[in-house]
Amino acid sequence: MLSEAILRNQVIQKAWEDPGFKQRLLTDPKAALQEALGIQLPDDITLKTVEEGSNEFYLVIPPSPASGVMKTDFNTLSTW
């Protein structure tokens, strides 16, 4: 199983090296992961991909632990 950080780095590296994969990742990220890496995410997982510019930075704020909503533990997904 791959950790989320390792997988993220592999996807980014592939996007840098393969313009077709990068475009597919931006337009249909779940399909891009399935086609290129054989990773199938469950239907209830939403995946959004954005491209940062040289003067942009995206900060993702996960749900608060106090909210009772927990991020899916990607390490438990059997397809990863």
Protein backbone atom coordinates (compact mmCIF):
# COMPACT_ATOMS: atom_id res chain seq x y z
CA MET A 1 0.00 0.00 0.00
CA LEU A 2 1.15 3.52 -0.77
CA SER A 3 0.92 6.33 1.70
CA GLU A 4 -1.07 9.36 0.65
CA ALA A 5 2.11 11.51 0.47
CA ILE A 6 3.99 9.00 -1.71
CA LEU A 7 1.03 8.64 -4.04
CA ARG A 8 0.60 12.42 -4.26
CA ASN A 9 4.27 12.81 -5.21
CA GLN A 10 4.03 10.10 -7.87
CA VAL A 11 0.95 11.72 -9.41
CA ILE A 12 2.60 15.15 -9.45
CA GLN A 13 5.77 13.75 -11.03
CA LYS A 14 3.76 11.99 -13.73
CA ALA A 15 1.79 15.18 -14.44
CA TRP A 16 5.04 17.12 -14.88
CA GLU A 17 6.40 14.50 -17.27
CA ASP A 18 3.23 13.65 -19.24
CA PRO A 19 1.14 16.59 -20.57
CA GLY A 20 -1.69 14.26 -21.64
CA PHE A 21 -1.95 12.79 -18.15
CA LYS A 22 -1.84 16.28 -16.64
CA GLN A 23 -4.72 17.46 -18.83
CA ARG A 24 -6.77 14.35 -18.04
CA LEU A 25 -5.99 14.82 -14.33
CA LEU A 26 -7.32 18.38 -14.51
CA THR A 27 -10.50 17.44 -16.39
CA ASP A 28 -11.34 14.03 -14.90
CA PRO A 29 -8.98 13.17 -12.04
CA LYS A 30 -10.59 9.87 -11.02
CA ALA A 31 -10.45 8.54 -14.56
CA ALA A 32 -6.85 9.75 -14.96
CA LEU A 33 -5.75 7.85 -11.84
CA GLN A 34 -7.59 4.73 -12.97
CA GLU A 35 -6.19 4.80 -16.50
CA ALA A 36 -2.60 5.70 -15.71
CA LEU A 37 -1.98 4.11 -12.33
CA GLY A 38 -4.75 1.55 -11.89
CA ILE A 39 -6.10 3.37 -8.84
CA GLN A 40 -9.84 3.21 -8.45
CA LEU A 41 -11.40 5.51 -5.90
CA PRO A 42 -14.78 4.68 -4.37
CA ASP A 43 -17.79 6.45 -5.86
CA ASP A 44 -18.40 8.35 -2.62
CA ILE A 45 -14.97 10.03 -2.80
CA THR A 46 -14.83 13.35 -4.67
CA LEU A 47 -11.46 14.28 -6.14
CA LYS A 48 -10.70 17.81 -7.34
CA THR A 49 -7.50 18.77 -9.12
CA VAL A 50 -6.22 22.33 -9.55
CA GLU A 51 -2.99 23.65 -10.96
CA GLU A 52 -1.08 26.24 -8.96
CA GLY A 53 0.54 29.11 -10.77
CA SER A 54 3.91 30.58 -9.84
CA ASN A 55 2.20 33.27 -7.76
CA GLU A 56 -0.55 31.08 -6.28
CA PHE A 57 -0.78 28.69 -3.37
CA TYR A 58 -3.79 26.61 -2.36
CA LEU A 59 -4.32 25.80 1.28
CA VAL A 60 -6.72 22.94 1.95
CA ILE A 61 -8.43 23.05 5.32
CA PRO A 62 -9.64 19.59 6.38
CA PRO A 63 -12.71 19.08 8.55
CA SER A 64 -12.16 19.91 12.20
CA PRO A 65 -11.77 16.82 14.41
CA ALA A 66 -14.42 18.39 16.64
CA SER A 67 -16.94 18.27 13.78
CA GLY A 68 -17.05 14.48 13.87
CA VAL A 69 -16.39 14.37 10.13
CA MET A 70 -13.18 12.54 9.39
CA LYS A 71 -11.19 12.47 6.18
CA THR A 72 -11.17 9.03 4.59
CA ASP A 73 -8.11 7.05 5.62
CA PHE A 74 -6.64 6.37 2.19
CA ASN A 75 -4.35 3.72 3.64
CA THR A 76 -7.37 1.50 4.26
CA LEU A 77 -8.55 1.57 0.64
CA SER A 78 -7.85 -1.84 -0.80
CA THR A 79 -7.08 -0.39 -4.23
CA TRP A 80 -4.16 1.73 -3.00
